[in-house]
Amino acid sequence: MLNKRWIFLLLLSCLLSLFLKGCNKTPSKNALVTFQFDDSFITQYTRAKPLFDSKGIKASIMATTANVGRSKYYMSWDQLTEMYNEGWEIGAHSVSHPDLLQLNEAAIRYELSQSKAVLEAHGFQNVENFAYPYNWYDVDVLYVISDYYRSARTSVAQTDFVINPESIHPYELSAYEARLNVDNVVDAYKYIDKAQKEGRWLIFIMHEFRDNGHTDNTSSKEITYIKALEMLIDYIQDRNIPIVTTGQALNYYIGSE
């Protein structure tokens, strides 16, 4: 009969074997990275678009429809259409960017349905993906969101940031809200490395963009500097991680509709 010491060593050996198998587990999927630009700010067109064009990549523009064409800080419908025609994805970010938690069901449905309807009326097809205003939602929002959209995104503003898991919940997509400069861009690299190691989908949220030494039409503190964005893109592409739109990533991870 085995004594207690041998039983202990046998169990320890089995546990170690299972641990090593887990550590060496090959991800079932490859990593993807998506950039979502919120609110249709003009510098998404004047600053970010030329950089993305030079890198051969596209992002998802999450449009707040009441903002489009409203002032010098926002894109016009013609500019948004130009990006769409060149392969950028257009998603919805509500009509007026309200706190959905403060609305009743009828008002929530209005913000969800009308933002989609307005975008489609301007010729944008397949408006399937949504970004929660302020990244806030609750069970009442979750109850109705699937009536209008294929997915919806939140961020670290509501949850402690984690990369989207293998089993993606399409109406609670997690994203990293980035306000990058050349000093802090390295903080984002660790998430790229983790996504690649684990075969996960990493989403970056960005708002407005600025070049060093230039005064741009920016209206908020949610600024990413173009040099830092270029450094981030280069880090991703140097690791051969595809940069795709929201819809393309959903097709890959959960299948096309």
C-alpha atoms as a PDB file:
ATOM      1  CA  MET A   1       0.000   0.000   0.000  1.00  0.00           C
ATOM      2  CA  LEU A   2       1.282   3.469  -0.863  1.00  0.00           C
ATOM      3  CA  ASN A   3       2.228   5.511   2.151  1.00  0.00           C
ATOM      4  CA  LYS A   4       1.039   9.053   2.680  1.00  0.00           C
ATOM      5  CA  ARG A   5       4.251  10.546   1.336  1.00  0.00           C
ATOM      6  CA  TRP A   6       3.941   8.756  -2.008  1.00  0.00           C
ATOM      7  CA  ILE A   7       0.271   9.676  -2.272  1.00  0.00           C
ATOM      8  CA  PHE A   8       1.177  13.328  -1.654  1.00  0.00           C
ATOM      9  CA  LEU A   9       3.932  13.230  -4.293  1.00  0.00           C
ATOM     10  CA  LEU A  10       1.605  11.576  -6.799  1.00  0.00           C
ATOM     11  CA  LEU A  11      -1.080  14.228  -6.278  1.00  0.00           C
ATOM     12  CA  LEU A  12       1.507  16.988  -6.505  1.00  0.00           C
ATOM     13  CA  SER A  13       2.797  15.543  -9.772  1.00  0.00           C
ATOM     14  CA  CYS A  14      -0.719  15.406 -11.223  1.00  0.00           C
ATOM     15  CA  LEU A  15      -1.465  19.002 -10.209  1.00  0.00           C
ATOM     16  CA  LEU A  16       1.818  20.205 -11.678  1.00  0.00           C
ATOM     17  CA  SER A  17       1.076  18.410 -14.938  1.00  0.00           C
ATOM     18  CA  LEU A  18      -2.345  20.038 -15.189  1.00  0.00           C
ATOM     19  CA  PHE A  19      -0.852  23.453 -14.412  1.00  0.00           C
ATOM     20  CA  LEU A  20       1.793  23.115 -17.131  1.00  0.00           C
ATOM     21  CA  LYS A  21      -0.805  22.019 -19.661  1.00  0.00           C
ATOM     22  CA  GLY A  22      -2.853  25.099 -18.816  1.00  0.00           C
ATOM     23  CA  CYS A  23       0.182  27.348 -19.169  1.00  0.00           C
ATOM     24  CA  ASN A  24       1.037  25.854 -22.547  1.00  0.00           C
ATOM     25  CA  LYS A  25      -2.518  25.871 -23.843  1.00  0.00           C
ATOM     26  CA  THR A  26      -2.729  27.120 -27.404  1.00  0.00           C
ATOM     27  CA  PRO A  27      -5.408  29.832 -27.805  1.00  0.00           C
ATOM     28  CA  SER A  28      -8.407  28.635 -29.804  1.00  0.00           C
ATOM     29  CA  LYS A  29      -8.543  31.974 -31.628  1.00  0.00           C
ATOM     30  CA  ASN A  30      -6.034  34.573 -32.797  1.00  0.00           C
ATOM     31  CA  ALA A  31      -5.862  38.056 -31.314  1.00  0.00           C
ATOM     32  CA  LEU A  32      -7.561  40.979 -33.037  1.00  0.00           C
ATOM     33  CA  VAL A  33      -7.493  44.709 -32.281  1.00  0.00           C
ATOM     34  CA  THR A  34     -10.294  47.175 -32.997  1.00  0.00           C
ATOM     35  CA  PHE A  35     -10.276  50.961 -32.704  1.00  0.00           C
ATOM     36  CA  GLN A  36     -13.602  52.661 -31.964  1.00  0.00           C
ATOM     37  CA  PHE A  37     -13.762  56.451 -32.334  1.00  0.00           C
ATOM     38  CA  ASP A  38     -16.665  57.979 -30.402  1.00  0.00           C
ATOM     39  CA  ASP A  39     -18.825  61.040 -31.114  1.00  0.00           C
ATOM     40  CA  SER A  40     -17.747  61.881 -34.715  1.00  0.00           C
ATOM     41  CA  PHE A  41     -15.179  64.514 -33.710  1.00  0.00           C
ATOM     42  CA  ILE A  42     -13.581  66.387 -36.607  1.00  0.00           C
ATOM     43  CA  THR A  43     -10.026  65.378 -35.677  1.00  0.00           C
ATOM     44  CA  GLN A  44     -10.973  61.764 -36.334  1.00  0.00           C
ATOM     45  CA  TYR A  45     -11.168  62.897 -39.957  1.00  0.00           C
ATOM     46  CA  THR A  46      -8.399  65.500 -40.093  1.00  0.00           C
ATOM     47  CA  ARG A  47      -5.791  63.781 -37.876  1.00  0.00           C
ATOM     48  CA  ALA A  48      -6.532  60.081 -37.375  1.00  0.00           C
ATOM     49  CA  LYS A  49      -7.781  59.228 -40.862  1.00  0.00           C
ATOM     50  CA  PRO A  50      -4.561  60.212 -42.704  1.00  0.00           C
ATOM     51  CA  LEU A  51      -2.529  58.048 -40.309  1.00  0.00           C
ATOM     52  CA  PHE A  52      -4.886  55.095 -40.665  1.00  0.00           C
ATOM     53  CA  ASP A  53      -4.864  55.501 -44.444  1.00  0.00           C
ATOM     54  CA  SER A  54      -1.052  55.384 -44.463  1.00  0.00           C
ATOM     55  CA  LYS A  55      -1.128  52.148 -42.410  1.00  0.00           C
ATOM     56  CA  GLY A  56      -3.810  50.509 -44.555  1.00  0.00           C
ATOM     57  CA  ILE A  57      -6.291  50.078 -41.684  1.00  0.00           C
ATOM     58  CA  LYS A  58      -9.813  51.181 -40.730  1.00  0.00           C
ATOM     59  CA  ALA A  59     -11.637  51.951 -37.498  1.00  0.00           C
ATOM     60  CA  SER A  60     -15.258  51.982 -36.353  1.00  0.00           C
ATOM     61  CA  ILE A  61     -16.818  55.442 -36.026  1.00  0.00           C
ATOM     62  CA  MET A  62     -19.458  55.397 -33.284  1.00  0.00           C
ATOM     63  CA  ALA A  63     -21.594  58.371 -34.253  1.00  0.00           C
ATOM     64  CA  THR A  64     -23.725  60.527 -31.995  1.00  0.00           C
ATOM     65  CA  THR A  65     -26.138  61.622 -34.685  1.00  0.00           C
ATOM     66  CA  ALA A  66     -27.133  65.000 -33.195  1.00  0.00           C
ATOM     67  CA  ASN A  67     -23.466  66.013 -33.210  1.00  0.00           C
ATOM     68  CA  VAL A  68     -22.802  65.421 -36.909  1.00  0.00           C
ATOM     69  CA  GLY A  69     -22.430  68.782 -38.619  1.00  0.00           C
ATOM     70  CA  ARG A  70     -23.307  70.653 -35.415  1.00  0.00           C
ATOM     71  CA  SER A  71     -20.140  72.749 -35.120  1.00  0.00           C
ATOM     72  CA  LYS A  72     -16.490  72.970 -36.135  1.00  0.00           C
ATOM     73  CA  TYR A  73     -15.657  70.299 -33.558  1.00  0.00           C
ATOM     74  CA  TYR A  74     -17.582  67.585 -35.398  1.00  0.00           C
ATOM     75  CA  MET A  75     -17.541  65.919 -38.788  1.00  0.00           C
ATOM     76  CA  SER A  76     -20.058  66.777 -41.455  1.00  0.00           C
ATOM     77  CA  TRP A  77     -22.283  64.160 -43.047  1.00  0.00           C
ATOM     78  CA  ASP A  78     -20.171  64.412 -46.210  1.00  0.00           C
ATOM     79  CA  GLN A  79     -16.985  63.642 -44.272  1.00  0.00           C
ATOM     80  CA  LEU A  80     -18.623  60.716 -42.488  1.00  0.00           C
ATOM     81  CA  THR A  81     -19.887  59.425 -45.832  1.00  0.00           C
ATOM     82  CA  GLU A  82     -16.405  59.680 -47.329  1.00  0.00           C
ATOM     83  CA  MET A  83     -14.987  57.504 -44.560  1.00  0.00           C
ATOM     84  CA  TYR A  84     -17.817  54.999 -44.921  1.00  0.00           C
ATOM     85  CA  ASN A  85     -17.254  54.752 -48.681  1.00  0.00           C
ATOM     86  CA  GLU A  86     -13.582  54.012 -48.030  1.00  0.00           C
ATOM     87  CA  GLY A  87     -14.401  51.073 -45.770  1.00  0.00           C
ATOM     88  CA  TRP A  88     -14.654  52.599 -42.310  1.00  0.00           C
ATOM     89  CA  GLU A  89     -17.450  51.115 -40.240  1.00  0.00           C
ATOM     90  CA  ILE A  90     -20.217  53.387 -38.961  1.00  0.00           C
ATOM     91  CA  GLY A  91     -21.825  52.420 -35.664  1.00  0.00           C
ATOM     92  CA  ALA A  92     -24.223  54.248 -33.350  1.00  0.00           C
ATOM     93  CA  HIS A  93     -23.582  56.111 -30.092  1.00  0.00           C
ATOM     94  CA  SER A  94     -27.185  57.342 -29.549  1.00  0.00           C
ATOM     95  CA  VAL A  95     -28.935  60.482 -30.781  1.00  0.00           C
ATOM     96  CA  SER A  96     -28.056  62.962 -28.045  1.00  0.00           C
ATOM     97  CA  HIS A  97     -25.567  61.130 -25.794  1.00  0.00           C
ATOM     98  CA  PRO A  98     -27.817  60.914 -22.703  1.00  0.00           C
ATOM     99  CA  ASP A  99     -27.296  58.919 -19.539  1.00  0.00           C
ATOM    100  CA  LEU A 100     -29.439  55.922 -20.453  1.00  0.00           C
ATOM    101  CA  LEU A 101     -29.758  54.982 -16.776  1.00  0.00           C
ATOM    102  CA  GLN A 102     -31.922  58.076 -16.249  1.00  0.00           C
ATOM    103  CA  LEU A 103     -34.374  57.276 -19.054  1.00  0.00           C
ATOM    104  CA  ASN A 104     -37.554  55.228 -19.124  1.00  0.00           C
ATOM    105  CA  GLU A 105     -37.959  52.406 -21.619  1.00  0.00           C
ATOM    106  CA  ALA A 106     -39.608  54.566 -24.276  1.00  0.00           C
ATOM    107  CA  ALA A 107     -36.797  57.124 -24.150  1.00  0.00           C
ATOM    108  CA  ILE A 108     -34.143  54.403 -24.231  1.00  0.00           C
ATOM    109  CA  ARG A 109     -35.785  52.872 -27.281  1.00  0.00           C
ATOM    110  CA  TYR A 110     -35.894  56.285 -28.949  1.00  0.00           C
ATOM    111  CA  GLU A 111     -32.148  56.844 -28.491  1.00  0.00           C
ATOM    112  CA  LEU A 112     -31.336  53.343 -29.749  1.00  0.00           C
ATOM    113  CA  SER A 113     -33.745  53.196 -32.664  1.00  0.00           C
ATOM    114  CA  GLN A 114     -33.490  56.751 -33.953  1.00  0.00           C
ATOM    115  CA  SER A 115     -29.692  56.878 -34.006  1.00  0.00           C
ATOM    116  CA  LYS A 116     -29.783  53.781 -36.182  1.00  0.00           C
ATOM    117  CA  ALA A 117     -32.611  55.163 -38.339  1.00  0.00           C
ATOM    118  CA  VAL A 118     -30.876  58.515 -38.917  1.00  0.00           C
ATOM    119  CA  LEU A 119     -27.635  56.833 -39.953  1.00  0.00           C
ATOM    120  CA  GLU A 120     -29.466  54.496 -42.317  1.00  0.00           C
ATOM    121  CA  ALA A 121     -31.377  57.454 -43.779  1.00  0.00           C
ATOM    122  CA  HIS A 122     -27.997  58.987 -44.686  1.00  0.00           C
ATOM    123  CA  GLY A 123     -27.052  55.867 -46.618  1.00  0.00           C
ATOM    124  CA  PHE A 124     -25.047  53.927 -44.042  1.00  0.00           C
ATOM    125  CA  GLN A 125     -25.893  50.251 -44.256  1.00  0.00           C
ATOM    126  CA  ASN A 126     -25.358  47.554 -41.644  1.00  0.00           C
ATOM    127  CA  VAL A 127     -25.486  49.869 -38.615  1.00  0.00           C
ATOM    128  CA  GLU A 128     -25.273  46.909 -36.257  1.00  0.00           C
ATOM    129  CA  ASN A 129     -23.037  47.985 -33.379  1.00  0.00           C
ATOM    130  CA  PHE A 130     -23.626  50.433 -30.532  1.00  0.00           C
ATOM    131  CA  ALA A 131     -21.506  52.239 -27.945  1.00  0.00           C
ATOM    132  CA  TYR A 132     -23.205  53.080 -24.647  1.00  0.00           C
ATOM    133  CA  PRO A 133     -23.101  56.841 -23.861  1.00  0.00           C
ATOM    134  CA  TYR A 134     -20.748  57.383 -20.920  1.00  0.00           C
ATOM    135  CA  ASN A 135     -20.255  53.589 -21.138  1.00  0.00           C
ATOM    136  CA  TRP A 136     -23.202  53.166 -18.746  1.00  0.00           C
ATOM    137  CA  TYR A 137     -25.964  50.580 -19.012  1.00  0.00           C
ATOM    138  CA  ASP A 138     -28.140  48.426 -16.771  1.00  0.00           C
ATOM    139  CA  VAL A 139     -30.588  45.550 -17.062  1.00  0.00           C
ATOM    140  CA  ASP A 140     -33.251  47.839 -18.541  1.00  0.00           C
ATOM    141  CA  VAL A 141     -30.894  48.803 -21.367  1.00  0.00           C
ATOM    142  CA  LEU A 142     -29.783  45.211 -21.871  1.00  0.00           C
ATOM    143  CA  TYR A 143     -33.436  44.201 -22.090  1.00  0.00           C
ATOM    144  CA  VAL A 144     -34.009  46.231 -25.276  1.00  0.00           C
ATOM    145  CA  ILE A 145     -30.587  46.637 -26.940  1.00  0.00           C
ATOM    146  CA  SER A 146     -30.817  43.398 -28.915  1.00  0.00           C
ATOM    147  CA  ASP A 147     -33.958  44.662 -30.657  1.00  0.00           C
ATOM    148  CA  TYR A 148     -31.766  47.101 -32.585  1.00  0.00           C
ATOM    149  CA  TYR A 149     -28.102  46.062 -32.517  1.00  0.00           C
ATOM    150  CA  ARG A 150     -25.794  43.105 -32.821  1.00  0.00           C
ATOM    151  CA  SER A 151     -23.399  44.345 -30.129  1.00  0.00           C
ATOM    152  CA  ALA A 152     -22.826  47.114 -27.609  1.00  0.00           C
ATOM    153  CA  ARG A 153     -19.653  48.356 -25.949  1.00  0.00           C
ATOM    154  CA  THR A 154     -18.758  49.655 -22.521  1.00  0.00           C
ATOM    155  CA  SER A 155     -15.339  50.462 -21.050  1.00  0.00           C
ATOM    156  CA  VAL A 156     -13.191  50.873 -17.970  1.00  0.00           C
ATOM    157  CA  ALA A 157     -15.404  53.820 -17.072  1.00  0.00           C
ATOM    158  CA  GLN A 158     -17.960  51.292 -15.829  1.00  0.00           C
ATOM    159  CA  THR A 159     -15.910  48.159 -15.164  1.00  0.00           C
ATOM    160  CA  ASP A 160     -12.358  47.353 -14.165  1.00  0.00           C
ATOM    161  CA  PHE A 161     -10.816  46.837 -17.574  1.00  0.00           C
ATOM    162  CA  VAL A 162     -10.330  43.303 -18.753  1.00  0.00           C
ATOM    163  CA  ILE A 163      -9.782  42.117 -22.293  1.00  0.00           C
ATOM    164  CA  ASN A 164     -12.836  40.469 -23.817  1.00  0.00           C
ATOM    165  CA  PRO A 165     -12.991  36.802 -22.755  1.00  0.00           C
ATOM    166  CA  GLU A 166     -13.071  33.811 -25.072  1.00  0.00           C
ATOM    167  CA  SER A 167     -16.844  33.581 -24.577  1.00  0.00           C
ATOM    168  CA  ILE A 168     -17.756  37.072 -25.742  1.00  0.00           C
ATOM    169  CA  HIS A 169     -20.947  38.698 -24.458  1.00  0.00           C
ATOM    170  CA  PRO A 170     -21.901  40.874 -27.459  1.00  0.00           C
ATOM    171  CA  TYR A 171     -23.813  43.449 -25.389  1.00  0.00           C
ATOM    172  CA  GLU A 172     -21.114  43.916 -22.764  1.00  0.00           C
ATOM    173  CA  LEU A 173     -18.021  44.344 -24.912  1.00  0.00           C
ATOM    174  CA  SER A 174     -15.106  45.600 -22.845  1.00  0.00           C
ATOM    175  CA  ALA A 175     -12.804  48.312 -24.171  1.00  0.00           C
ATOM    176  CA  TYR A 176      -9.743  50.265 -23.083  1.00  0.00           C
ATOM    177  CA  GLU A 177     -10.466  54.004 -23.065  1.00  0.00           C
ATOM    178  CA  ALA A 178      -7.206  55.469 -24.320  1.00  0.00           C
ATOM    179  CA  ARG A 179      -5.920  59.025 -23.905  1.00  0.00           C
ATOM    180  CA  LEU A 180      -2.413  58.500 -25.169  1.00  0.00           C
ATOM    181  CA  ASN A 181       0.776  60.510 -25.390  1.00  0.00           C
ATOM    182  CA  VAL A 182       4.328  59.402 -26.082  1.00  0.00           C
ATOM    183  CA  ASP A 183       4.978  58.935 -22.366  1.00  0.00           C
ATOM    184  CA  ASN A 184       2.022  56.718 -21.454  1.00  0.00           C
ATOM    185  CA  VAL A 185       1.501  54.737 -24.680  1.00  0.00           C
ATOM    186  CA  VAL A 186       3.670  51.946 -23.284  1.00  0.00           C
ATOM    187  CA  ASP A 187       0.917  51.293 -20.733  1.00  0.00           C
ATOM    188  CA  ALA A 188      -1.231  49.977 -23.586  1.00  0.00           C
ATOM    189  CA  TYR A 189       1.447  47.587 -24.835  1.00  0.00           C
ATOM    190  CA  LYS A 190       0.857  45.115 -21.987  1.00  0.00           C
ATOM    191  CA  TYR A 191      -2.748  44.649 -23.091  1.00  0.00           C
ATOM    192  CA  ILE A 192      -1.633  43.992 -26.655  1.00  0.00           C
ATOM    193  CA  ASP A 193       0.833  41.379 -25.413  1.00  0.00           C
ATOM    194  CA  LYS A 194      -1.863  39.748 -23.267  1.00  0.00           C
ATOM    195  CA  ALA A 195      -4.352  39.719 -26.136  1.00  0.00           C
ATOM    196  CA  GLN A 196      -1.818  38.059 -28.414  1.00  0.00           C
ATOM    197  CA  LYS A 197      -0.816  35.459 -25.826  1.00  0.00           C
ATOM    198  CA  GLU A 198      -4.413  34.515 -25.040  1.00  0.00           C
ATOM    199  CA  GLY A 199      -6.012  34.974 -28.455  1.00  0.00           C
ATOM    200  CA  ARG A 200      -8.368  37.722 -27.283  1.00  0.00           C
ATOM    201  CA  TRP A 201     -10.128  40.706 -28.840  1.00  0.00           C
ATOM    202  CA  LEU A 202      -8.781  44.065 -27.659  1.00  0.00           C
ATOM    203  CA  ILE A 203     -10.848  47.202 -28.302  1.00  0.00           C
ATOM    204  CA  PHE A 204      -9.468  50.729 -27.923  1.00  0.00           C
ATOM    205  CA  ILE A 205     -11.808  53.717 -27.500  1.00  0.00           C
ATOM    206  CA  MET A 206     -10.568  57.125 -28.620  1.00  0.00           C
ATOM    207  CA  HIS A 207     -12.201  60.519 -29.011  1.00  0.00           C
ATOM    208  CA  GLU A 208     -10.150  63.499 -30.213  1.00  0.00           C
ATOM    209  CA  PHE A 209      -6.675  63.737 -31.708  1.00  0.00           C
ATOM    210  CA  ARG A 210      -3.915  66.300 -31.672  1.00  0.00           C
ATOM    211  CA  ASP A 211      -0.501  66.744 -33.255  1.00  0.00           C
ATOM    212  CA  ASN A 212       2.364  68.060 -31.171  1.00  0.00           C
ATOM    213  CA  GLY A 213       2.885  71.703 -32.024  1.00  0.00           C
ATOM    214  CA  HIS A 214      -0.515  72.147 -33.643  1.00  0.00           C
ATOM    215  CA  THR A 215      -3.647  73.791 -32.345  1.00  0.00           C
ATOM    216  CA  ASP A 216      -6.543  71.605 -33.367  1.00  0.00           C
ATOM    217  CA  ASN A 217     -10.294  71.919 -33.136  1.00  0.00           C
ATOM    218  CA  THR A 218     -10.640  69.905 -29.939  1.00  0.00           C
ATOM    219  CA  SER A 219     -13.315  70.452 -27.318  1.00  0.00           C
ATOM    220  CA  SER A 220     -12.579  67.931 -24.575  1.00  0.00           C
ATOM    221  CA  LYS A 221      -9.759  66.488 -22.489  1.00  0.00           C
ATOM    222  CA  GLU A 222     -10.135  63.083 -24.149  1.00  0.00           C
ATOM    223  CA  ILE A 223      -7.096  63.603 -26.366  1.00  0.00           C
ATOM    224  CA  THR A 224      -4.759  61.125 -28.031  1.00  0.00           C
ATOM    225  CA  TYR A 225      -1.632  62.476 -29.678  1.00  0.00           C
ATOM    226  CA  ILE A 226      -1.048  61.278 -33.222  1.00  0.00           C
ATOM    227  CA  LYS A 227       2.575  60.316 -32.564  1.00  0.00           C
ATOM    228  CA  ALA A 228       1.449  58.066 -29.699  1.00  0.00           C
ATOM    229  CA  LEU A 229      -1.262  56.561 -31.899  1.00  0.00           C
ATOM    230  CA  GLU A 230       1.321  55.806 -34.566  1.00  0.00           C
ATOM    231  CA  MET A 231       3.554  54.148 -31.971  1.00  0.00           C
ATOM    232  CA  LEU A 232       0.610  52.018 -30.828  1.00  0.00           C
ATOM    233  CA  ILE A 233      -0.320  50.954 -34.362  1.00  0.00           C
ATOM    234  CA  ASP A 234       3.297  50.088 -35.157  1.00  0.00           C
ATOM    235  CA  TYR A 235       3.524  47.975 -31.990  1.00  0.00           C
ATOM    236  CA  ILE A 236       0.396  46.060 -33.034  1.00  0.00           C
ATOM    237  CA  GLN A 237       1.443  45.591 -36.654  1.00  0.00           C
ATOM    238  CA  ASP A 238       5.001  44.576 -35.729  1.00  0.00           C
ATOM    239  CA  ARG A 239       3.385  41.620 -33.922  1.00  0.00           C
ATOM    240  CA  ASN A 240       1.247  40.754 -36.949  1.00  0.00           C
ATOM    241  CA  ILE A 241      -1.997  41.301 -35.063  1.00  0.00           C
ATOM    242  CA  PRO A 242      -4.801  42.260 -37.482  1.00  0.00           C
ATOM    243  CA  ILE A 243      -6.537  45.596 -36.903  1.00  0.00           C
ATOM    244  CA  VAL A 244     -10.184  45.178 -37.910  1.00  0.00           C
ATOM    245  CA  THR A 245     -13.569  46.834 -37.504  1.00  0.00           C
ATOM    246  CA  THR A 246     -16.093  45.823 -34.867  1.00  0.00           C
ATOM    247  CA  GLY A 247     -18.192  43.885 -37.341  1.00  0.00           C
ATOM    248  CA  GLN A 248     -15.205  41.998 -38.711  1.00  0.00           C
ATOM    249  CA  ALA A 249     -14.127  40.986 -35.209  1.00  0.00           C
ATOM    250  CA  LEU A 250     -17.624  39.795 -34.314  1.00  0.00           C
ATOM    251  CA  ASN A 251     -17.722  37.696 -37.475  1.00  0.00           C
ATOM    252  CA  TYR A 252     -14.448  36.064 -36.469  1.00  0.00           C
ATOM    253  CA  TYR A 253     -15.192  35.411 -32.791  1.00  0.00           C
ATOM    254  CA  ILE A 254     -18.891  34.553 -32.818  1.00  0.00           C
ATOM    255  CA  GLY A 255     -19.700  34.029 -36.510  1.00  0.00           C
ATOM    256  CA  SER A 256     -21.522  36.056 -39.132  1.00  0.00           C
ATOM    257  CA  GLU A 257     -25.254  36.507 -38.914  1.00  0.00           C
END
